Amino acid sequence: MSSTKELRNQIRSIKSTQKITSAMEMVAASKMRKAQDRMQAARPYADRIQCVIEHVASAHPEYRHPFLEQRTAKRVGIIVVTSDRGLCGGLNVNLLKTMLATVKQWQDQNVQSEFCVIGNKGEAFFRRHGGNLLASAVQLGDAPQLTDIVGVIRVMLDAYYEQKIDRLFVVYNQFVSTMVQRPWVQQLLPLVPPEKEVEKGEVGAGYWDYIYEPDARALLDLIMNRYIESQVYRGVVENIACFQAAQMVAMKSATDNAGQLIDELQLIYNKARQAGITQELAEIVSGAAAV
């Protein structure tokens, strides 16, 4: 009977775990909808300011902003956006693999990397494996504000202004759908002018220029910083939406697997219990026959 008792305890334990994973699945589904709303709200501004910045990069203002200057890459900076919590499948693992692949590409060119990280999982990774970590921002919660990450961004921008880094990238998970999250590497600095396109046969359709008032320097300094902040913030809110979606899928899978395991253990328990009853009956019949 000890084996059946152990099986009962195991089944009871798995059922408790199944209740927890089922509750976490529902919580993640609820949070995912809110995270998607924040992501959708952040995208239009980020897309529009990126469009303006691309036009500025292809224009010829009287003031050439440092973000538009192409320099020989001697050291690059990478902002890594991860989640604060786990239980989300391979979301963070795939992102960090992509980041390491990017670092290796630069190392093959004898270019070193500097890092800033957003999220507990990324900070724990660099704590275990090393790396020149300049700054970190953790415990942002499910609804982060721009003020929570502006310190990390400022560290990288100051390093770029001081020419301590010559390239700046942000690595985050891009939300494609509930089932698909894609690691994404985006170059922030220097700005790469878009390829000029001629639409409908119009000559110079890809050329842009602006009139600056009061002056190009003041406006470009402001809009360039806002551009970097908007792109990193967009990466953060998209990564949170990816985390909630990945956690919902992972917890659903865990709940289903727990159900299958409970069914298998229940079958083994029933067989063991039936074997025990049969053995007891055989012992009773044998005793009665001996009498």
C-alpha atoms as a PDB file:
ATOM      1  CA  MET A   1       0.000   0.000   0.000  1.00  0.00           C
ATOM      2  CA  SER A   2       2.977   2.305   0.378  1.00  0.00           C
ATOM      3  CA  SER A   3       3.301   2.587  -3.412  1.00  0.00           C
ATOM      4  CA  THR A   4      -0.328   3.670  -3.799  1.00  0.00           C
ATOM      5  CA  LYS A   5       0.137   6.205  -1.006  1.00  0.00           C
ATOM      6  CA  GLU A   6       3.144   7.675  -2.797  1.00  0.00           C
ATOM      7  CA  LEU A   7       1.180   7.818  -6.048  1.00  0.00           C
ATOM      8  CA  ARG A   8      -1.697   9.620  -4.304  1.00  0.00           C
ATOM      9  CA  ASN A   9       0.706  12.186  -2.863  1.00  0.00           C
ATOM     10  CA  GLN A  10       2.329  12.685  -6.267  1.00  0.00           C
ATOM     11  CA  ILE A  11      -1.037  13.143  -7.980  1.00  0.00           C
ATOM     12  CA  ARG A  12      -2.115  15.600  -5.297  1.00  0.00           C
ATOM     13  CA  SER A  13       1.117  17.580  -5.718  1.00  0.00           C
ATOM     14  CA  ILE A  14       0.777  17.753  -9.518  1.00  0.00           C
ATOM     15  CA  LYS A  15      -2.853  18.870  -9.214  1.00  0.00           C
ATOM     16  CA  SER A  16      -1.745  21.721  -6.949  1.00  0.00           C
ATOM     17  CA  THR A  17       0.896  22.728  -9.492  1.00  0.00           C
ATOM     18  CA  GLN A  18      -1.696  22.512 -12.264  1.00  0.00           C
ATOM     19  CA  LYS A  19      -3.956  24.949 -10.403  1.00  0.00           C
ATOM     20  CA  ILE A  20      -1.051  27.393 -10.073  1.00  0.00           C
ATOM     21  CA  THR A  21      -0.054  27.204 -13.757  1.00  0.00           C
ATOM     22  CA  SER A  22      -3.699  27.550 -14.816  1.00  0.00           C
ATOM     23  CA  ALA A  23      -4.074  30.678 -12.665  1.00  0.00           C
ATOM     24  CA  MET A  24      -0.814  32.103 -14.048  1.00  0.00           C
ATOM     25  CA  GLU A  25      -2.067  31.449 -17.583  1.00  0.00           C
ATOM     26  CA  MET A  26      -5.227  33.463 -16.943  1.00  0.00           C
ATOM     27  CA  VAL A  27      -3.304  36.286 -15.270  1.00  0.00           C
ATOM     28  CA  ALA A  28      -0.828  36.428 -18.174  1.00  0.00           C
ATOM     29  CA  ALA A  29      -3.709  36.514 -20.686  1.00  0.00           C
ATOM     30  CA  SER A  30      -5.278  39.446 -18.854  1.00  0.00           C
ATOM     31  CA  LYS A  31      -1.966  41.331 -18.596  1.00  0.00           C
ATOM     32  CA  MET A  32      -1.121  40.580 -22.229  1.00  0.00           C
ATOM     33  CA  ARG A  33      -4.145  42.522 -23.462  1.00  0.00           C
ATOM     34  CA  LYS A  34      -3.120  45.555 -21.415  1.00  0.00           C
ATOM     35  CA  ALA A  35       0.493  45.219 -22.570  1.00  0.00           C
ATOM     36  CA  GLN A  36      -0.650  45.055 -26.186  1.00  0.00           C
ATOM     37  CA  ASP A  37      -2.662  48.234 -25.695  1.00  0.00           C
ATOM     38  CA  ARG A  38       0.420  50.032 -24.372  1.00  0.00           C
ATOM     39  CA  MET A  39       2.491  48.636 -27.245  1.00  0.00           C
ATOM     40  CA  GLN A  40      -0.034  49.805 -29.838  1.00  0.00           C
ATOM     41  CA  ALA A  41      -0.107  53.238 -28.190  1.00  0.00           C
ATOM     42  CA  ALA A  42       3.702  53.537 -28.341  1.00  0.00           C
ATOM     43  CA  ARG A  43       4.113  52.408 -31.952  1.00  0.00           C
ATOM     44  CA  PRO A  44       2.605  55.394 -33.859  1.00  0.00           C
ATOM     45  CA  TYR A  45       4.839  57.967 -32.136  1.00  0.00           C
ATOM     46  CA  ALA A  46       7.941  55.758 -32.511  1.00  0.00           C
ATOM     47  CA  ASP A  47       7.180  55.108 -36.192  1.00  0.00           C
ATOM     48  CA  ARG A  48       6.484  58.733 -36.986  1.00  0.00           C
ATOM     49  CA  ILE A  49       9.532  60.134 -35.245  1.00  0.00           C
ATOM     50  CA  GLN A  50      11.648  57.470 -36.937  1.00  0.00           C
ATOM     51  CA  CYS A  51      10.276  58.646 -40.285  1.00  0.00           C
ATOM     52  CA  VAL A  52      11.153  62.257 -39.464  1.00  0.00           C
ATOM     53  CA  ILE A  53      14.642  61.252 -38.310  1.00  0.00           C
ATOM     54  CA  GLU A  54      15.230  59.309 -41.534  1.00  0.00           C
ATOM     55  CA  HIS A  55      14.233  62.405 -43.515  1.00  0.00           C
ATOM     56  CA  VAL A  56      16.591  64.549 -41.438  1.00  0.00           C
ATOM     57  CA  ALA A  57      19.399  62.046 -42.000  1.00  0.00           C
ATOM     58  CA  SER A  58      18.925  62.298 -45.762  1.00  0.00           C
ATOM     59  CA  ALA A  59      18.687  66.112 -45.689  1.00  0.00           C
ATOM     60  CA  HIS A  60      21.523  68.610 -45.546  1.00  0.00           C
ATOM     61  CA  PRO A  61      21.020  70.895 -42.549  1.00  0.00           C
ATOM     62  CA  GLU A  62      23.449  73.670 -41.780  1.00  0.00           C
ATOM     63  CA  TYR A  63      24.234  71.916 -38.482  1.00  0.00           C
ATOM     64  CA  ARG A  64      25.579  68.362 -38.759  1.00  0.00           C
ATOM     65  CA  HIS A  65      24.480  66.544 -35.633  1.00  0.00           C
ATOM     66  CA  PRO A  66      26.960  64.038 -34.086  1.00  0.00           C
ATOM     67  CA  PHE A  67      24.328  61.304 -34.428  1.00  0.00           C
ATOM     68  CA  LEU A  68      24.565  61.677 -38.214  1.00  0.00           C
ATOM     69  CA  GLU A  69      28.335  61.288 -38.394  1.00  0.00           C
ATOM     70  CA  GLN A  70      29.703  57.956 -39.591  1.00  0.00           C
ATOM     71  CA  ARG A  71      32.745  56.906 -37.575  1.00  0.00           C
ATOM     72  CA  THR A  72      35.039  53.927 -37.770  1.00  0.00           C
ATOM     73  CA  ALA A  73      33.751  51.369 -35.291  1.00  0.00           C
ATOM     74  CA  LYS A  74      36.247  50.730 -32.494  1.00  0.00           C
ATOM     75  CA  ARG A  75      33.753  49.992 -29.727  1.00  0.00           C
ATOM     76  CA  VAL A  76      29.990  49.447 -29.827  1.00  0.00           C
ATOM     77  CA  GLY A  77      27.278  49.900 -27.234  1.00  0.00           C
ATOM     78  CA  ILE A  78      24.340  47.508 -26.879  1.00  0.00           C
ATOM     79  CA  ILE A  79      21.176  48.089 -24.837  1.00  0.00           C
ATOM     80  CA  VAL A  80      19.744  44.660 -23.981  1.00  0.00           C
ATOM     81  CA  VAL A  81      16.044  44.515 -23.067  1.00  0.00           C
ATOM     82  CA  THR A  82      14.950  41.385 -21.173  1.00  0.00           C
ATOM     83  CA  SER A  83      12.125  40.499 -18.811  1.00  0.00           C
ATOM     84  CA  ASP A  84      12.228  40.827 -15.031  1.00  0.00           C
ATOM     85  CA  ARG A  85      10.715  37.385 -14.457  1.00  0.00           C
ATOM     86  CA  GLY A  86      11.028  33.924 -15.944  1.00  0.00           C
ATOM     87  CA  LEU A  87       8.556  31.106 -16.678  1.00  0.00           C
ATOM     88  CA  CYS A  88       8.218  32.389 -20.253  1.00  0.00           C
ATOM     89  CA  GLY A  89       9.709  29.559 -22.296  1.00  0.00           C
ATOM     90  CA  GLY A  90      12.752  30.407 -24.391  1.00  0.00           C
ATOM     91  CA  LEU A  91      11.982  34.120 -24.733  1.00  0.00           C
ATOM     92  CA  ASN A  92      15.036  35.435 -22.887  1.00  0.00           C
ATOM     93  CA  VAL A  93      17.313  32.596 -24.013  1.00  0.00           C
ATOM     94  CA  ASN A  94      16.649  33.287 -27.694  1.00  0.00           C
ATOM     95  CA  LEU A  95      17.165  37.018 -27.168  1.00  0.00           C
ATOM     96  CA  LEU A  96      20.494  36.536 -25.404  1.00  0.00           C
ATOM     97  CA  LYS A  97      21.646  34.120 -28.117  1.00  0.00           C
ATOM     98  CA  THR A  98      20.901  36.796 -30.716  1.00  0.00           C
ATOM     99  CA  MET A  99      22.780  39.366 -28.647  1.00  0.00           C
ATOM    100  CA  LEU A 100      25.799  37.049 -28.325  1.00  0.00           C
ATOM    101  CA  ALA A 101      25.775  36.427 -32.070  1.00  0.00           C
ATOM    102  CA  THR A 102      25.878  40.194 -32.650  1.00  0.00           C
ATOM    103  CA  VAL A 103      28.741  40.577 -30.167  1.00  0.00           C
ATOM    104  CA  LYS A 104      30.678  37.789 -31.897  1.00  0.00           C
ATOM    105  CA  GLN A 105      30.291  39.491 -35.270  1.00  0.00           C
ATOM    106  CA  TRP A 106      31.890  42.616 -33.853  1.00  0.00           C
ATOM    107  CA  GLN A 107      34.576  40.643 -32.013  1.00  0.00           C
ATOM    108  CA  ASP A 108      35.564  39.039 -35.304  1.00  0.00           C
ATOM    109  CA  GLN A 109      36.303  42.603 -36.482  1.00  0.00           C
ATOM    110  CA  ASN A 110      38.320  43.329 -33.299  1.00  0.00           C
ATOM    111  CA  VAL A 111      35.577  45.593 -31.966  1.00  0.00           C
ATOM    112  CA  GLN A 112      34.742  45.446 -28.245  1.00  0.00           C
ATOM    113  CA  SER A 113      31.265  45.878 -26.764  1.00  0.00           C
ATOM    114  CA  GLU A 114      29.795  47.898 -23.893  1.00  0.00           C
ATOM    115  CA  PHE A 115      26.428  46.952 -22.418  1.00  0.00           C
ATOM    116  CA  CYS A 116      23.463  48.478 -20.664  1.00  0.00           C
ATOM    117  CA  VAL A 117      20.692  46.139 -19.610  1.00  0.00           C
ATOM    118  CA  ILE A 118      17.000  46.548 -18.857  1.00  0.00           C
ATOM    119  CA  GLY A 119      15.425  43.677 -16.913  1.00  0.00           C
ATOM    120  CA  ASN A 120      16.479  41.271 -14.154  1.00  0.00           C
ATOM    121  CA  LYS A 121      17.200  38.344 -16.470  1.00  0.00           C
ATOM    122  CA  GLY A 122      19.703  40.315 -18.505  1.00  0.00           C
ATOM    123  CA  GLU A 123      21.426  41.655 -15.400  1.00  0.00           C
ATOM    124  CA  ALA A 124      21.680  38.129 -13.965  1.00  0.00           C
ATOM    125  CA  PHE A 125      23.169  36.906 -17.247  1.00  0.00           C
ATOM    126  CA  PHE A 126      25.948  39.504 -17.210  1.00  0.00           C
ATOM    127  CA  ARG A 127      26.559  38.879 -13.518  1.00  0.00           C
ATOM    128  CA  ARG A 128      27.158  35.193 -14.246  1.00  0.00           C
ATOM    129  CA  HIS A 129      29.044  35.434 -17.531  1.00  0.00           C
ATOM    130  CA  GLY A 130      30.769  38.801 -17.283  1.00  0.00           C
ATOM    131  CA  GLY A 131      30.799  41.710 -19.687  1.00  0.00           C
ATOM    132  CA  ASN A 132      31.403  45.434 -19.431  1.00  0.00           C
ATOM    133  CA  LEU A 133      28.050  46.462 -17.956  1.00  0.00           C
ATOM    134  CA  LEU A 134      27.738  50.247 -17.720  1.00  0.00           C
ATOM    135  CA  ALA A 135      24.231  50.560 -16.250  1.00  0.00           C
ATOM    136  CA  SER A 136      21.059  48.607 -15.594  1.00  0.00           C
ATOM    137  CA  ALA A 137      17.389  49.210 -14.885  1.00  0.00           C
ATOM    138  CA  VAL A 138      15.369  46.432 -13.241  1.00  0.00           C
ATOM    139  CA  GLN A 139      11.967  45.862 -11.636  1.00  0.00           C
ATOM    140  CA  LEU A 140      10.146  48.110 -14.096  1.00  0.00           C
ATOM    141  CA  GLY A 141       6.793  46.384 -13.560  1.00  0.00           C
ATOM    142  CA  ASP A 142       4.117  45.748 -16.154  1.00  0.00           C
ATOM    143  CA  ALA A 143       3.560  49.432 -17.012  1.00  0.00           C
ATOM    144  CA  PRO A 144       6.989  51.128 -17.188  1.00  0.00           C
ATOM    145  CA  GLN A 145       7.402  54.833 -17.740  1.00  0.00           C
ATOM    146  CA  LEU A 146      10.022  56.560 -19.859  1.00  0.00           C
ATOM    147  CA  THR A 147      11.527  58.064 -16.702  1.00  0.00           C
ATOM    148  CA  ASP A 148      12.358  54.521 -15.511  1.00  0.00           C
ATOM    149  CA  ILE A 149      14.776  53.900 -18.388  1.00  0.00           C
ATOM    150  CA  VAL A 150      16.020  57.382 -19.250  1.00  0.00           C
ATOM    151  CA  GLY A 151      19.060  56.934 -16.986  1.00  0.00           C
ATOM    152  CA  VAL A 152      20.243  53.884 -18.929  1.00  0.00           C
ATOM    153  CA  ILE A 153      19.727  55.716 -22.220  1.00  0.00           C
ATOM    154  CA  ARG A 154      21.632  58.770 -20.986  1.00  0.00           C
ATOM    155  CA  VAL A 155      24.652  56.632 -20.047  1.00  0.00           C
ATOM    156  CA  MET A 156      24.894  55.321 -23.609  1.00  0.00           C
ATOM    157  CA  LEU A 157      24.283  58.717 -25.216  1.00  0.00           C
ATOM    158  CA  ASP A 158      26.992  60.324 -23.088  1.00  0.00           C
ATOM    159  CA  ALA A 159      29.367  57.525 -24.107  1.00  0.00           C
ATOM    160  CA  TYR A 160      28.522  58.194 -27.753  1.00  0.00           C
ATOM    161  CA  TYR A 161      29.010  61.956 -27.418  1.00  0.00           C
ATOM    162  CA  GLU A 162      32.386  61.340 -25.761  1.00  0.00           C
ATOM    163  CA  GLN A 163      33.298  58.898 -28.571  1.00  0.00           C
ATOM    164  CA  LYS A 164      33.728  56.026 -26.134  1.00  0.00           C
ATOM    165  CA  ILE A 165      31.413  54.038 -28.415  1.00  0.00           C
ATOM    166  CA  ASP A 166      30.964  54.422 -32.161  1.00  0.00           C
ATOM    167  CA  ARG A 167      27.777  52.407 -32.668  1.00  0.00           C
ATOM    168  CA  LEU A 168      24.658  52.008 -30.539  1.00  0.00           C
ATOM    169  CA  PHE A 169      22.232  49.099 -30.814  1.00  0.00           C
ATOM    170  CA  VAL A 170      19.128  48.002 -28.941  1.00  0.00           C
ATOM    171  CA  VAL A 171      18.188  44.324 -28.700  1.00  0.00           C
ATOM    172  CA  TYR A 172      14.651  43.359 -27.725  1.00  0.00           C
ATOM    173  CA  ASN A 173      11.868  40.910 -28.551  1.00  0.00           C
ATOM    174  CA  GLN A 174       9.579  42.145 -31.300  1.00  0.00           C
ATOM    175  CA  PHE A 175       5.911  41.220 -30.918  1.00  0.00           C
ATOM    176  CA  VAL A 176       4.689  39.517 -34.093  1.00  0.00           C
ATOM    177  CA  SER A 177       1.720  37.602 -32.706  1.00  0.00           C
ATOM    178  CA  THR A 178       0.648  35.805 -29.547  1.00  0.00           C
ATOM    179  CA  MET A 179       2.501  32.691 -30.673  1.00  0.00           C
ATOM    180  CA  VAL A 180       5.496  34.385 -32.334  1.00  0.00           C
ATOM    181  CA  GLN A 181       8.031  36.689 -30.673  1.00  0.00           C
ATOM    182  CA  ARG A 182      11.157  37.561 -32.646  1.00  0.00           C
ATOM    183  CA  PRO A 183      14.507  38.760 -31.262  1.00  0.00           C
ATOM    184  CA  TRP A 184      15.332  42.037 -32.972  1.00  0.00           C
ATOM    185  CA  VAL A 185      18.562  44.016 -33.263  1.00  0.00           C
ATOM    186  CA  GLN A 186      18.118  47.667 -34.218  1.00  0.00           C
ATOM    187  CA  GLN A 187      20.909  50.137 -34.904  1.00  0.00           C
ATOM    188  CA  LEU A 188      20.154  53.440 -33.237  1.00  0.00           C
ATOM    189  CA  LEU A 189      23.383  55.343 -33.840  1.00  0.00           C
ATOM    190  CA  PRO A 190      24.714  56.587 -36.120  1.00  0.00           C
ATOM    191  CA  LEU A 191      21.544  57.196 -38.069  1.00  0.00           C
ATOM    192  CA  VAL A 192      21.520  55.433 -41.397  1.00  0.00           C
ATOM    193  CA  PRO A 193      19.906  57.498 -44.177  1.00  0.00           C
ATOM    194  CA  PRO A 194      17.176  55.556 -45.976  1.00  0.00           C
ATOM    195  CA  GLU A 195      17.709  54.517 -49.553  1.00  0.00           C
ATOM    196  CA  LYS A 196      16.254  57.121 -51.881  1.00  0.00           C
ATOM    197  CA  GLU A 197      13.213  55.870 -53.684  1.00  0.00           C
ATOM    198  CA  VAL A 198      11.689  57.362 -56.777  1.00  0.00           C
ATOM    199  CA  GLU A 199       7.938  56.991 -56.572  1.00  0.00           C
ATOM    200  CA  LYS A 200       5.700  57.231 -59.603  1.00  0.00           C
ATOM    201  CA  GLY A 201       8.552  58.444 -61.748  1.00  0.00           C
ATOM    202  CA  GLU A 202       9.060  61.612 -59.712  1.00  0.00           C
ATOM    203  CA  VAL A 203      12.650  62.767 -59.779  1.00  0.00           C
ATOM    204  CA  GLY A 204      14.031  63.489 -56.301  1.00  0.00           C
ATOM    205  CA  ALA A 205      11.088  61.895 -54.515  1.00  0.00           C
ATOM    206  CA  GLY A 206      13.493  60.550 -51.891  1.00  0.00           C
ATOM    207  CA  TYR A 207      15.036  63.943 -51.074  1.00  0.00           C
ATOM    208  CA  TRP A 208      13.984  65.750 -47.924  1.00  0.00           C
ATOM    209  CA  ASP A 209      14.966  69.047 -46.403  1.00  0.00           C
ATOM    210  CA  TYR A 210      13.587  71.276 -43.680  1.00  0.00           C
ATOM    211  CA  ILE A 211      13.518  74.887 -42.609  1.00  0.00           C
ATOM    212  CA  TYR A 212      14.597  75.118 -38.956  1.00  0.00           C
ATOM    213  CA  GLU A 213      13.318  77.737 -36.562  1.00  0.00           C
ATOM    214  CA  PRO A 214      14.798  79.096 -34.349  1.00  0.00           C
ATOM    215  CA  ASP A 215      17.911  77.101 -35.379  1.00  0.00           C
ATOM    216  CA  ALA A 216      18.870  73.596 -36.479  1.00  0.00           C
ATOM    217  CA  ARG A 217      21.149  72.879 -33.514  1.00  0.00           C
ATOM    218  CA  ALA A 218      18.544  73.387 -30.784  1.00  0.00           C
ATOM    219  CA  LEU A 219      15.846  71.475 -32.618  1.00  0.00           C
ATOM    220  CA  LEU A 220      18.039  68.594 -33.748  1.00  0.00           C
ATOM    221  CA  ASP A 221      19.572  68.111 -30.290  1.00  0.00           C
ATOM    222  CA  LEU A 222      16.077  67.774 -28.841  1.00  0.00           C
ATOM    223  CA  ILE A 223      14.531  65.594 -31.533  1.00  0.00           C
ATOM    224  CA  MET A 224      17.534  63.256 -31.760  1.00  0.00           C
ATOM    225  CA  ASN A 225      17.405  62.516 -28.033  1.00  0.00           C
ATOM    226  CA  ARG A 226      13.646  62.015 -28.204  1.00  0.00           C
ATOM    227  CA  TYR A 227      14.140  59.611 -31.090  1.00  0.00           C
ATOM    228  CA  ILE A 228      16.540  57.386 -29.131  1.00  0.00           C
ATOM    229  CA  GLU A 229      14.296  57.459 -26.069  1.00  0.00           C
ATOM    230  CA  SER A 230      11.194  56.562 -28.109  1.00  0.00           C
ATOM    231  CA  GLN A 231      12.893  53.616 -29.815  1.00  0.00           C
ATOM    232  CA  VAL A 232      14.211  52.146 -26.558  1.00  0.00           C
ATOM    233  CA  TYR A 233      10.871  52.694 -24.808  1.00  0.00           C
ATOM    234  CA  ARG A 234       9.114  51.007 -27.708  1.00  0.00           C
ATOM    235  CA  GLY A 235      11.470  48.048 -27.309  1.00  0.00           C
ATOM    236  CA  VAL A 236      10.645  47.850 -23.594  1.00  0.00           C
ATOM    237  CA  VAL A 237       6.847  47.843 -24.021  1.00  0.00           C
ATOM    238  CA  GLU A 238       7.055  45.372 -26.920  1.00  0.00           C
ATOM    239  CA  ASN A 239       9.255  43.108 -24.829  1.00  0.00           C
ATOM    240  CA  ILE A 240       6.706  43.185 -21.992  1.00  0.00           C
ATOM    241  CA  ALA A 241       3.923  42.228 -24.417  1.00  0.00           C
ATOM    242  CA  CYS A 242       6.143  39.406 -25.692  1.00  0.00           C
ATOM    243  CA  PHE A 243       6.787  38.257 -22.128  1.00  0.00           C
ATOM    244  CA  GLN A 244       3.092  38.101 -21.246  1.00  0.00           C
ATOM    245  CA  ALA A 245       2.290  36.204 -24.460  1.00  0.00           C
ATOM    246  CA  ALA A 246       5.184  33.776 -23.971  1.00  0.00           C
ATOM    247  CA  GLN A 247       4.253  33.202 -20.337  1.00  0.00           C
ATOM    248  CA  MET A 248       0.616  32.553 -21.242  1.00  0.00           C
ATOM    249  CA  VAL A 249       1.663  29.969 -23.840  1.00  0.00           C
ATOM    250  CA  ALA A 250       4.206  28.385 -21.481  1.00  0.00           C
ATOM    251  CA  MET A 251       1.710  28.133 -18.614  1.00  0.00           C
ATOM    252  CA  LYS A 252      -0.943  26.648 -20.916  1.00  0.00           C
ATOM    253  CA  SER A 253       1.569  24.054 -22.049  1.00  0.00           C
ATOM    254  CA  ALA A 254       2.513  23.329 -18.424  1.00  0.00           C
ATOM    255  CA  THR A 255      -1.156  22.974 -17.453  1.00  0.00           C
ATOM    256  CA  ASP A 256      -1.823  20.569 -20.343  1.00  0.00           C
ATOM    257  CA  ASN A 257       1.287  18.542 -19.537  1.00  0.00           C
ATOM    258  CA  ALA A 258       0.235  18.333 -15.889  1.00  0.00           C
ATOM    259  CA  GLY A 259      -3.168  17.018 -16.956  1.00  0.00           C
ATOM    260  CA  GLN A 260      -1.564  14.319 -19.093  1.00  0.00           C
ATOM    261  CA  LEU A 261       0.781  13.338 -16.272  1.00  0.00           C
ATOM    262  CA  ILE A 262      -2.104  13.152 -13.808  1.00  0.00           C
ATOM    263  CA  ASP A 263      -3.998  10.827 -16.186  1.00  0.00           C
ATOM    264  CA  GLU A 264      -0.967   8.560 -16.530  1.00  0.00           C
ATOM    265  CA  LEU A 265      -0.352   8.455 -12.786  1.00  0.00           C
ATOM    266  CA  GLN A 266      -4.038   7.857 -12.121  1.00  0.00           C
ATOM    267  CA  LEU A 267      -3.951   4.841 -14.427  1.00  0.00           C
ATOM    268  CA  ILE A 268      -0.847   3.494 -12.670  1.00  0.00           C
ATOM    269  CA  TYR A 269      -2.499   4.128  -9.299  1.00  0.00           C
ATOM    270  CA  ASN A 270      -5.662   2.283 -10.324  1.00  0.00           C
ATOM    271  CA  LYS A 271      -3.632  -0.683 -11.549  1.00  0.00           C
ATOM    272  CA  ALA A 272      -1.575  -0.771  -8.343  1.00  0.00           C
ATOM    273  CA  ARG A 273      -4.717  -0.489  -6.207  1.00  0.00           C
ATOM    274  CA  GLN A 274      -6.424  -3.249  -8.194  1.00  0.00           C
ATOM    275  CA  ALA A 275      -3.349  -5.472  -7.832  1.00  0.00           C
ATOM    276  CA  GLY A 276      -3.331  -4.869  -4.077  1.00  0.00           C
ATOM    277  CA  ILE A 277      -7.039  -5.733  -3.740  1.00  0.00           C
ATOM    278  CA  THR A 278      -6.561  -8.871  -5.824  1.00  0.00           C
ATOM    279  CA  GLN A 279      -3.642  -9.932  -3.627  1.00  0.00           C
ATOM    280  CA  GLU A 280      -5.679  -9.369  -0.450  1.00  0.00           C
ATOM    281  CA  LEU A 281      -8.592 -11.413  -1.836  1.00  0.00           C
ATOM    282  CA  ALA A 282      -6.205 -14.201  -2.779  1.00  0.00           C
ATOM    283  CA  GLU A 283      -4.789 -14.204   0.738  1.00  0.00           C
ATOM    284  CA  ILE A 284      -8.292 -14.321   2.268  1.00  0.00           C
ATOM    285  CA  VAL A 285      -9.364 -17.191  -0.011  1.00  0.00           C
ATOM    286  CA  SER A 286      -6.153 -19.104   0.744  1.00  0.00           C
ATOM    287  CA  GLY A 287      -6.670 -18.634   4.484  1.00  0.00           C
ATOM    288  CA  ALA A 288     -10.295 -19.763   4.271  1.00  0.00           C
ATOM    289  CA  ALA A 289      -9.291 -22.829   2.281  1.00  0.00           C
ATOM    290  CA  ALA A 290      -6.623 -23.719   4.857  1.00  0.00           C
ATOM    291  CA  VAL A 291      -9.192 -23.557   7.634  1.00  0.00           C
END
